[in-house]
Amino acid sequence: MSTQEEILAMEICECGTKNVAQAITLFQNTSLPFKKAKKLVTECDKNCCRSALTKLYDMTFFGKFDYDEIERQIALRHDRTKRILEGLKSDA
């Protein structure tokens, strides 16, 4: 398990340049609904990091952060991306 500081420094989505700490700050300082607040973080309309951002948005709303869950969601996204890339390589 990573430390809280390491998790806060993790990139939340490859589309944007924001880390977890920046995403939390953006979510805390906006009254926008999730779909529009997500665009502030990712700067795109893709769904690649939707699961991690949804959980983070909910945690921000309730004011309680589960850093292990945030790390797990980011790892799941990386694993999913890795499987897709491996599948594309094997098809070529």
PDB file of N, CA and C in Angstrom:
ATOM      1  N   MET A   1       0.827  -1.188   0.000  1.00  0.00           N
ATOM      2  CA  MET A   1       0.000   0.000   0.000  1.00  0.00           C
ATOM      3  C   MET A   1       0.872   1.252   0.000  1.00  0.00           C
ATOM      4  N   SER A   2       0.438   2.214  -0.744  1.00  0.00           N
ATOM      5  CA  SER A   2       1.136   3.488  -0.833  1.00  0.00           C
ATOM      6  C   SER A   2       0.738   4.382   0.329  1.00  0.00           C
ATOM      7  N   THR A   3       1.560   5.380   0.584  1.00  0.00           N
ATOM      8  CA  THR A   3       1.224   6.348   1.624  1.00  0.00           C
ATOM      9  C   THR A   3       0.193   7.327   1.084  1.00  0.00           C
ATOM     10  N   GLN A   4      -0.404   8.085   1.979  1.00  0.00           N
ATOM     11  CA  GLN A   4      -1.412   9.061   1.577  1.00  0.00           C
ATOM     12  C   GLN A   4      -0.806  10.089   0.616  1.00  0.00           C
ATOM     13  N   GLU A   5       0.407  10.529   0.878  1.00  0.00           N
ATOM     14  CA  GLU A   5       1.070  11.512   0.017  1.00  0.00           C
ATOM     15  C   GLU A   5       1.314  10.952  -1.390  1.00  0.00           C
ATOM     16  N   GLU A   6       1.703   9.674  -1.470  1.00  0.00           N
ATOM     17  CA  GLU A   6       1.933   9.040  -2.765  1.00  0.00           C
ATOM     18  C   GLU A   6       0.631   8.930  -3.561  1.00  0.00           C
ATOM     19  N   ILE A   7      -0.447   8.603  -2.870  1.00  0.00           N
ATOM     20  CA  ILE A   7      -1.751   8.487  -3.534  1.00  0.00           C
ATOM     21  C   ILE A   7      -2.221   9.856  -4.021  1.00  0.00           C
ATOM     22  N   LEU A   8      -2.045  10.882  -3.205  1.00  0.00           N
ATOM     23  CA  LEU A   8      -2.443  12.231  -3.604  1.00  0.00           C
ATOM     24  C   LEU A   8      -1.652  12.727  -4.814  1.00  0.00           C
ATOM     25  N   ALA A   9      -0.447  12.224  -4.999  1.00  0.00           N
ATOM     26  CA  ALA A   9       0.397  12.629  -6.127  1.00  0.00           C
ATOM     27  C   ALA A   9       0.126  11.815  -7.390  1.00  0.00           C
ATOM     28  N   MET A  10      -0.657  10.735  -7.294  1.00  0.00           N
ATOM     29  CA  MET A  10      -0.943   9.892  -8.466  1.00  0.00           C
ATOM     30  C   MET A  10      -1.771  10.648  -9.489  1.00  0.00           C
ATOM     31  N   GLU A  11      -1.511  10.351 -10.753  1.00  0.00           N
ATOM     32  CA  GLU A  11      -2.284  10.933 -11.845  1.00  0.00           C
ATOM     33  C   GLU A  11      -3.660  10.267 -11.852  1.00  0.00           C
ATOM     34  N   ILE A  12      -4.708  11.068 -11.797  1.00  0.00           N
ATOM     35  CA  ILE A  12      -6.065  10.527 -11.712  1.00  0.00           C
ATOM     36  C   ILE A  12      -6.569  10.072 -13.078  1.00  0.00           C
ATOM     37  N   CYS A  13      -6.078  10.696 -14.158  1.00  0.00           N
ATOM     38  CA  CYS A  13      -6.507  10.335 -15.504  1.00  0.00           C
ATOM     39  C   CYS A  13      -5.421  10.733 -16.489  1.00  0.00           C
ATOM     40  N   GLU A  14      -5.181   9.873 -17.480  1.00  0.00           N
ATOM     41  CA  GLU A  14      -4.154  10.177 -18.476  1.00  0.00           C
ATOM     42  C   GLU A  14      -4.560  11.338 -19.382  1.00  0.00           C
ATOM     43  N   CYS A  15      -5.833  11.608 -19.493  1.00  0.00           N
ATOM     44  CA  CYS A  15      -6.316  12.655 -20.397  1.00  0.00           C
ATOM     45  C   CYS A  15      -5.926  14.052 -19.911  1.00  0.00           C
ATOM     46  N   GLY A  16      -5.997  14.256 -18.623  1.00  0.00           N
ATOM     47  CA  GLY A  16      -5.635  15.545 -18.048  1.00  0.00           C
ATOM     48  C   GLY A  16      -4.297  15.444 -17.367  1.00  0.00           C
ATOM     49  N   THR A  17      -3.864  16.514 -16.806  1.00  0.00           N
ATOM     50  CA  THR A  17      -2.573  16.518 -16.122  1.00  0.00           C
ATOM     51  C   THR A  17      -2.748  16.634 -14.617  1.00  0.00           C
ATOM     52  N   LYS A  18      -3.949  16.403 -14.135  1.00  0.00           N
ATOM     53  CA  LYS A  18      -4.247  16.589 -12.714  1.00  0.00           C
ATOM     54  C   LYS A  18      -3.927  15.325 -11.913  1.00  0.00           C
ATOM     55  N   ASN A  19      -3.477  15.542 -10.684  1.00  0.00           N
ATOM     56  CA  ASN A  19      -3.280  14.416  -9.780  1.00  0.00           C
ATOM     57  C   ASN A  19      -4.477  14.333  -8.834  1.00  0.00           C
ATOM     58  N   VAL A  20      -4.468  13.378  -7.948  1.00  0.00           N
ATOM     59  CA  VAL A  20      -5.606  13.155  -7.036  1.00  0.00           C
ATOM     60  C   VAL A  20      -5.843  14.386  -6.165  1.00  0.00           C
ATOM     61  N   ALA A  21      -4.794  14.977  -5.633  1.00  0.00           N
ATOM     62  CA  ALA A  21      -4.944  16.148  -4.769  1.00  0.00           C
ATOM     63  C   ALA A  21      -5.587  17.312  -5.519  1.00  0.00           C
ATOM     64  N   GLN A  22      -5.174  17.541  -6.757  1.00  0.00           N
ATOM     65  CA  GLN A  22      -5.761  18.612  -7.566  1.00  0.00           C
ATOM     66  C   GLN A  22      -7.220  18.323  -7.885  1.00  0.00           C
ATOM     67  N   ALA A  23      -7.541  17.064  -8.141  1.00  0.00           N
ATOM     68  CA  ALA A  23      -8.932  16.688  -8.421  1.00  0.00           C
ATOM     69  C   ALA A  23      -9.806  16.934  -7.195  1.00  0.00           C
ATOM     70  N   ILE A  24      -9.303  16.575  -6.021  1.00  0.00           N
ATOM     71  CA  ILE A  24     -10.058  16.814  -4.785  1.00  0.00           C
ATOM     72  C   ILE A  24     -10.314  18.303  -4.609  1.00  0.00           C
ATOM     73  N   THR A  25      -9.286  19.121  -4.825  1.00  0.00           N
ATOM     74  CA  THR A  25      -9.430  20.571  -4.685  1.00  0.00           C
ATOM     75  C   THR A  25     -10.459  21.116  -5.667  1.00  0.00           C
ATOM     76  N   LEU A  26     -10.413  20.659  -6.906  1.00  0.00           N
ATOM     77  CA  LEU A  26     -11.394  21.110  -7.904  1.00  0.00           C
ATOM     78  C   LEU A  26     -12.809  20.705  -7.503  1.00  0.00           C
ATOM     79  N   PHE A  27     -12.972  19.457  -7.065  1.00  0.00           N
ATOM     80  CA  PHE A  27     -14.298  18.989  -6.664  1.00  0.00           C
ATOM     81  C   PHE A  27     -14.808  19.752  -5.438  1.00  0.00           C
ATOM     82  N   GLN A  28     -13.926  20.082  -4.512  1.00  0.00           N
ATOM     83  CA  GLN A  28     -14.334  20.800  -3.309  1.00  0.00           C
ATOM     84  C   GLN A  28     -14.738  22.240  -3.602  1.00  0.00           C
ATOM     85  N   ASN A  29     -14.160  22.815  -4.642  1.00  0.00           N
ATOM     86  CA  ASN A  29     -14.395  24.230  -4.933  1.00  0.00           C
ATOM     87  C   ASN A  29     -15.415  24.470  -6.044  1.00  0.00           C
ATOM     88  N   THR A  30     -16.213  23.458  -6.366  1.00  0.00           N
ATOM     89  CA  THR A  30     -17.225  23.634  -7.394  1.00  0.00           C
ATOM     90  C   THR A  30     -18.577  23.125  -6.895  1.00  0.00           C
ATOM     91  N   SER A  31     -19.612  23.723  -7.426  1.00  0.00           N
ATOM     92  CA  SER A  31     -20.961  23.250  -7.123  1.00  0.00           C
ATOM     93  C   SER A  31     -21.559  22.574  -8.356  1.00  0.00           C
ATOM     94  N   LEU A  32     -20.718  22.320  -9.351  1.00  0.00           N
ATOM     95  CA  LEU A  32     -21.172  21.692 -10.587  1.00  0.00           C
ATOM     96  C   LEU A  32     -21.539  20.222 -10.361  1.00  0.00           C
ATOM     97  N   PRO A  33     -22.466  19.701 -11.157  1.00  0.00           N
ATOM     98  CA  PRO A  33     -22.756  18.262 -11.087  1.00  0.00           C
ATOM     99  C   PRO A  33     -21.541  17.479 -11.582  1.00  0.00           C
ATOM    100  N   PHE A  34     -21.512  16.172 -11.308  1.00  0.00           N
ATOM    101  CA  PHE A  34     -20.343  15.348 -11.602  1.00  0.00           C
ATOM    102  C   PHE A  34     -19.879  15.463 -13.043  1.00  0.00           C
ATOM    103  N   LYS A  35     -20.785  15.353 -13.992  1.00  0.00           N
ATOM    104  CA  LYS A  35     -20.392  15.330 -15.405  1.00  0.00           C
ATOM    105  C   LYS A  35     -19.590  16.584 -15.794  1.00  0.00           C
ATOM    106  N   LYS A  36     -20.011  17.730 -15.318  1.00  0.00           N
ATOM    107  CA  LYS A  36     -19.299  18.972 -15.642  1.00  0.00           C
ATOM    108  C   LYS A  36     -18.048  19.134 -14.782  1.00  0.00           C
ATOM    109  N   ALA A  37     -18.100  18.707 -13.539  1.00  0.00           N
ATOM    110  CA  ALA A  37     -16.922  18.790 -12.675  1.00  0.00           C
ATOM    111  C   ALA A  37     -15.825  17.859 -13.180  1.00  0.00           C
ATOM    112  N   LYS A  38     -16.217  16.716 -13.733  1.00  0.00           N
ATOM    113  CA  LYS A  38     -15.253  15.760 -14.290  1.00  0.00           C
ATOM    114  C   LYS A  38     -14.451  16.399 -15.411  1.00  0.00           C
ATOM    115  N   LYS A  39     -15.105  17.206 -16.221  1.00  0.00           N
ATOM    116  CA  LYS A  39     -14.418  17.883 -17.331  1.00  0.00           C
ATOM    117  C   LYS A  39     -13.355  18.854 -16.820  1.00  0.00           C
ATOM    118  N   LEU A  40     -13.560  19.417 -15.651  1.00  0.00           N
ATOM    119  CA  LEU A  40     -12.540  20.297 -15.071  1.00  0.00           C
ATOM    120  C   LEU A  40     -11.260  19.518 -14.771  1.00  0.00           C
ATOM    121  N   VAL A  41     -11.418  18.260 -14.391  1.00  0.00           N
ATOM    122  CA  VAL A  41     -10.280  17.425 -14.034  1.00  0.00           C
ATOM    123  C   VAL A  41      -9.645  16.793 -15.268  1.00  0.00           C
ATOM    124  N   THR A  42     -10.462  16.178 -16.110  1.00  0.00           N
ATOM    125  CA  THR A  42      -9.929  15.403 -17.236  1.00  0.00           C
ATOM    126  C   THR A  42      -9.700  16.234 -18.490  1.00  0.00           C
ATOM    127  N   GLU A  43     -10.445  17.321 -18.617  1.00  0.00           N
ATOM    128  CA  GLU A  43     -10.390  18.172 -19.803  1.00  0.00           C
ATOM    129  C   GLU A  43     -10.808  17.413 -21.064  1.00  0.00           C
ATOM    130  N   CYS A  44     -11.661  16.377 -20.903  1.00  0.00           N
ATOM    131  CA  CYS A  44     -12.149  15.599 -22.043  1.00  0.00           C
ATOM    132  C   CYS A  44     -13.516  15.007 -21.716  1.00  0.00           C
ATOM    133  N   ASP A  45     -14.094  14.289 -22.681  1.00  0.00           N
ATOM    134  CA  ASP A  45     -15.396  13.652 -22.502  1.00  0.00           C
ATOM    135  C   ASP A  45     -15.300  12.138 -22.413  1.00  0.00           C
ATOM    136  N   LYS A  46     -14.084  11.595 -22.343  1.00  0.00           N
ATOM    137  CA  LYS A  46     -13.906  10.145 -22.338  1.00  0.00           C
ATOM    138  C   LYS A  46     -14.327   9.545 -20.999  1.00  0.00           C
ATOM    139  N   ASN A  47     -14.545   8.229 -21.007  1.00  0.00           N
ATOM    140  CA  ASN A  47     -14.972   7.527 -19.799  1.00  0.00           C
ATOM    141  C   ASN A  47     -13.868   6.678 -19.182  1.00  0.00           C
ATOM    142  N   CYS A  48     -12.624   6.862 -19.609  1.00  0.00           N
ATOM    143  CA  CYS A  48     -11.527   5.995 -19.172  1.00  0.00           C
ATOM    144  C   CYS A  48     -11.312   6.011 -17.658  1.00  0.00           C
ATOM    145  N   CYS A  49     -11.574   7.118 -17.011  1.00  0.00           N
ATOM    146  CA  CYS A  49     -11.312   7.223 -15.575  1.00  0.00           C
ATOM    147  C   CYS A  49     -12.592   7.507 -14.796  1.00  0.00           C
ATOM    148  N   ARG A  50     -13.721   7.213 -15.380  1.00  0.00           N
ATOM    149  CA  ARG A  50     -15.016   7.526 -14.767  1.00  0.00           C
ATOM    150  C   ARG A  50     -15.184   6.899 -13.394  1.00  0.00           C
ATOM    151  N   SER A  51     -14.812   5.648 -13.247  1.00  0.00           N
ATOM    152  CA  SER A  51     -15.007   4.954 -11.978  1.00  0.00           C
ATOM    153  C   SER A  51     -14.220   5.617 -10.848  1.00  0.00           C
ATOM    154  N   ALA A  52     -12.963   5.884 -11.097  1.00  0.00           N
ATOM    155  CA  ALA A  52     -12.121   6.512 -10.072  1.00  0.00           C
ATOM    156  C   ALA A  52     -12.625   7.914  -9.736  1.00  0.00           C
ATOM    157  N   LEU A  53     -13.001   8.667 -10.754  1.00  0.00           N
ATOM    158  CA  LEU A  53     -13.471  10.031 -10.512  1.00  0.00           C
ATOM    159  C   LEU A  53     -14.833  10.057  -9.823  1.00  0.00           C
ATOM    160  N   THR A  54     -15.695   9.119 -10.148  1.00  0.00           N
ATOM    161  CA  THR A  54     -17.003   9.049  -9.482  1.00  0.00           C
ATOM    162  C   THR A  54     -16.816   8.802  -7.989  1.00  0.00           C
ATOM    163  N   LYS A  55     -15.968   7.843  -7.664  1.00  0.00           N
ATOM    164  CA  LYS A  55     -15.709   7.550  -6.241  1.00  0.00           C
ATOM    165  C   LYS A  55     -15.095   8.758  -5.549  1.00  0.00           C
ATOM    166  N   LEU A  56     -14.135   9.401  -6.199  1.00  0.00           N
ATOM    167  CA  LEU A  56     -13.476  10.562  -5.611  1.00  0.00           C
ATOM    168  C   LEU A  56     -14.456  11.717  -5.426  1.00  0.00           C
ATOM    169  N   TYR A  57     -15.337  11.922  -6.395  1.00  0.00           N
ATOM    170  CA  TYR A  57     -16.360  12.968  -6.302  1.00  0.00           C
ATOM    171  C   TYR A  57     -17.288  12.701  -5.119  1.00  0.00           C
ATOM    172  N   ASP A  58     -17.720  11.448  -4.975  1.00  0.00           N
ATOM    173  CA  ASP A  58     -18.584  11.079  -3.850  1.00  0.00           C
ATOM    174  C   ASP A  58     -17.871  11.257  -2.518  1.00  0.00           C
ATOM    175  N   MET A  59     -16.604  10.865  -2.462  1.00  0.00           N
ATOM    176  CA  MET A  59     -15.834  11.025  -1.226  1.00  0.00           C
ATOM    177  C   MET A  59     -15.708  12.501  -0.872  1.00  0.00           C
ATOM    178  N   THR A  60     -15.500  13.334  -1.882  1.00  0.00           N
ATOM    179  CA  THR A  60     -15.396  14.777  -1.650  1.00  0.00           C
ATOM    180  C   THR A  60     -16.724  15.317  -1.126  1.00  0.00           C
ATOM    181  N   PHE A  61     -17.820  14.852  -1.701  1.00  0.00           N
ATOM    182  CA  PHE A  61     -19.145  15.301  -1.277  1.00  0.00           C
ATOM    183  C   PHE A  61     -19.397  14.955   0.187  1.00  0.00           C
ATOM    184  N   PHE A  62     -19.016  13.734   0.590  1.00  0.00           N
ATOM    185  CA  PHE A  62     -19.262  13.290   1.962  1.00  0.00           C
ATOM    186  C   PHE A  62     -18.152  13.691   2.928  1.00  0.00           C
ATOM    187  N   GLY A  63     -17.020  14.163   2.402  1.00  0.00           N
ATOM    188  CA  GLY A  63     -15.942  14.661   3.248  1.00  0.00           C
ATOM    189  C   GLY A  63     -15.087  13.593   3.900  1.00  0.00           C
ATOM    190  N   LYS A  64     -15.186  12.360   3.446  1.00  0.00           N
ATOM    191  CA  LYS A  64     -14.388  11.266   4.008  1.00  0.00           C
ATOM    192  C   LYS A  64     -13.694  10.551   2.860  1.00  0.00           C
ATOM    193  N   PHE A  65     -12.364  10.480   2.937  1.00  0.00           N
ATOM    194  CA  PHE A  65     -11.577   9.924   1.839  1.00  0.00           C
ATOM    195  C   PHE A  65     -10.991   8.570   2.221  1.00  0.00           C
ATOM    196  N   ASP A  66     -11.200   7.606   1.333  1.00  0.00           N
ATOM    197  CA  ASP A  66     -10.635   6.261   1.484  1.00  0.00           C
ATOM    198  C   ASP A  66      -9.506   6.162   0.459  1.00  0.00           C
ATOM    199  N   TYR A  67      -8.284   6.447   0.903  1.00  0.00           N
ATOM    200  CA  TYR A  67      -7.145   6.507  -0.012  1.00  0.00           C
ATOM    201  C   TYR A  67      -6.804   5.142  -0.595  1.00  0.00           C
ATOM    202  N   ASP A  68      -7.044   4.082   0.151  1.00  0.00           N
ATOM    203  CA  ASP A  68      -6.814   2.741  -0.378  1.00  0.00           C
ATOM    204  C   ASP A  68      -7.756   2.452  -1.551  1.00  0.00           C
ATOM    205  N   GLU A  69      -8.995   2.898  -1.431  1.00  0.00           N
ATOM    206  CA  GLU A  69      -9.972   2.708  -2.513  1.00  0.00           C
ATOM    207  C   GLU A  69      -9.597   3.544  -3.736  1.00  0.00           C
ATOM    208  N   ILE A  70      -9.119   4.746  -3.515  1.00  0.00           N
ATOM    209  CA  ILE A  70      -8.684   5.586  -4.632  1.00  0.00           C
ATOM    210  C   ILE A  70      -7.535   4.903  -5.369  1.00  0.00           C
ATOM    211  N   GLU A  71      -6.568   4.394  -4.616  1.00  0.00           N
ATOM    212  CA  GLU A  71      -5.431   3.696  -5.217  1.00  0.00           C
ATOM    213  C   GLU A  71      -5.901   2.459  -5.982  1.00  0.00           C
ATOM    214  N   ARG A  72      -6.856   1.729  -5.417  1.00  0.00           N
ATOM    215  CA  ARG A  72      -7.383   0.527  -6.064  1.00  0.00           C
ATOM    216  C   ARG A  72      -8.074   0.867  -7.378  1.00  0.00           C
ATOM    217  N   GLN A  73      -8.853   1.934  -7.400  1.00  0.00           N
ATOM    218  CA  GLN A  73      -9.549   2.344  -8.626  1.00  0.00           C
ATOM    219  C   GLN A  73      -8.566   2.745  -9.719  1.00  0.00           C
ATOM    220  N   ILE A  74      -7.507   3.442  -9.343  1.00  0.00           N
ATOM    221  CA  ILE A  74      -6.490   3.834 -10.319  1.00  0.00           C
ATOM    222  C   ILE A  74      -5.774   2.594 -10.846  1.00  0.00           C
ATOM    223  N   ALA A  75      -5.463   1.648  -9.960  1.00  0.00           N
ATOM    224  CA  ALA A  75      -4.797   0.405 -10.369  1.00  0.00           C
ATOM    225  C   ALA A  75      -5.688  -0.408 -11.303  1.00  0.00           C
ATOM    226  N   LEU A  76      -6.984  -0.466 -11.022  1.00  0.00           N
ATOM    227  CA  LEU A  76      -7.917  -1.182 -11.897  1.00  0.00           C
ATOM    228  C   LEU A  76      -7.940  -0.584 -13.295  1.00  0.00           C
ATOM    229  N   ARG A  77      -7.918   0.735 -13.362  1.00  0.00           N
ATOM    230  CA  ARG A  77      -7.915   1.400 -14.663  1.00  0.00           C
ATOM    231  C   ARG A  77      -6.635   1.067 -15.424  1.00  0.00           C
ATOM    232  N   HIS A  78      -5.495   1.072 -14.730  1.00  0.00           N
ATOM    233  CA  HIS A  78      -4.222   0.730 -15.375  1.00  0.00           C
ATOM    234  C   HIS A  78      -4.223  -0.725 -15.843  1.00  0.00           C
ATOM    235  N   ASP A  79      -4.769  -1.627 -15.022  1.00  0.00           N
ATOM    236  CA  ASP A  79      -4.843  -3.042 -15.407  1.00  0.00           C
ATOM    237  C   ASP A  79      -5.721  -3.233 -16.639  1.00  0.00           C
ATOM    238  N   ARG A  80      -6.842  -2.539 -16.672  1.00  0.00           N
ATOM    239  CA  ARG A  80      -7.773  -2.634 -17.796  1.00  0.00           C
ATOM    240  C   ARG A  80      -7.100  -2.125 -19.076  1.00  0.00           C
ATOM    241  N   THR A  81      -6.403  -1.021 -18.971  1.00  0.00           N
ATOM    242  CA  THR A  81      -5.691  -0.473 -20.122  1.00  0.00           C
ATOM    243  C   THR A  81      -4.602  -1.428 -20.596  1.00  0.00           C
ATOM    244  N   LYS A  82      -3.892  -2.023 -19.651  1.00  0.00           N
ATOM    245  CA  LYS A  82      -2.817  -2.965 -19.987  1.00  0.00           C
ATOM    246  C   LYS A  82      -3.384  -4.179 -20.726  1.00  0.00           C
ATOM    247  N   ARG A  83      -4.526  -4.716 -20.256  1.00  0.00           N
ATOM    248  CA  ARG A  83      -5.154  -5.869 -20.914  1.00  0.00           C
ATOM    249  C   ARG A  83      -5.587  -5.525 -22.339  1.00  0.00           C
ATOM    250  N   ILE A  84      -6.118  -4.342 -22.515  1.00  0.00           N
ATOM    251  CA  ILE A  84      -6.549  -3.927 -23.846  1.00  0.00           C
ATOM    252  C   ILE A  84      -5.348  -3.823 -24.788  1.00  0.00           C
ATOM    253  N   LEU A  85      -4.265  -3.243 -24.315  1.00  0.00           N
ATOM    254  CA  LEU A  85      -3.064  -3.119 -25.143  1.00  0.00           C
ATOM    255  C   LEU A  85      -2.473  -4.466 -25.484  1.00  0.00           C
ATOM    256  N   GLU A  86      -2.467  -5.390 -24.514  1.00  0.00           N
ATOM    257  CA  GLU A  86      -1.951  -6.728 -24.774  1.00  0.00           C
ATOM    258  C   GLU A  86      -2.830  -7.453 -25.804  1.00  0.00           C
ATOM    259  N   GLY A  87      -4.123  -7.255 -25.732  1.00  0.00           N
ATOM    260  CA  GLY A  87      -5.029  -7.856 -26.702  1.00  0.00           C
ATOM    261  C   GLY A  87      -4.805  -7.321 -28.102  1.00  0.00           C
ATOM    262  N   LEU A  88      -4.532  -6.033 -28.197  1.00  0.00           N
ATOM    263  CA  LEU A  88      -4.253  -5.434 -29.500  1.00  0.00           C
ATOM    264  C   LEU A  88      -2.931  -5.954 -30.068  1.00  0.00           C
ATOM    265  N   LYS A  89      -1.943  -6.138 -29.226  1.00  0.00           N
ATOM    266  CA  LYS A  89      -0.645  -6.651 -29.684  1.00  0.00           C
ATOM    267  C   LYS A  89      -0.763  -8.091 -30.177  1.00  0.00           C
ATOM    268  N   SER A  90      -1.550  -8.903 -29.492  1.00  0.00           N
ATOM    269  CA  SER A  90      -1.685 -10.303 -29.878  1.00  0.00           C
ATOM    270  C   SER A  90      -2.512 -10.471 -31.163  1.00  0.00           C
ATOM    271  N   ASP A  91      -3.397  -9.511 -31.450  1.00  0.00           N
ATOM    272  CA  ASP A  91      -4.204  -9.562 -32.665  1.00  0.00           C
ATOM    273  C   ASP A  91      -3.400  -9.150 -33.898  1.00  0.00           C
ATOM    274  N   ALA A  92      -2.345  -8.409 -33.691  1.00  0.00           N
ATOM    275  CA  ALA A  92      -1.548  -7.875 -34.825  1.00  0.00           C
ATOM    276  C   ALA A  92      -0.672  -8.901 -35.462  1.00  0.00           C
TER     277      ALA A  92
END
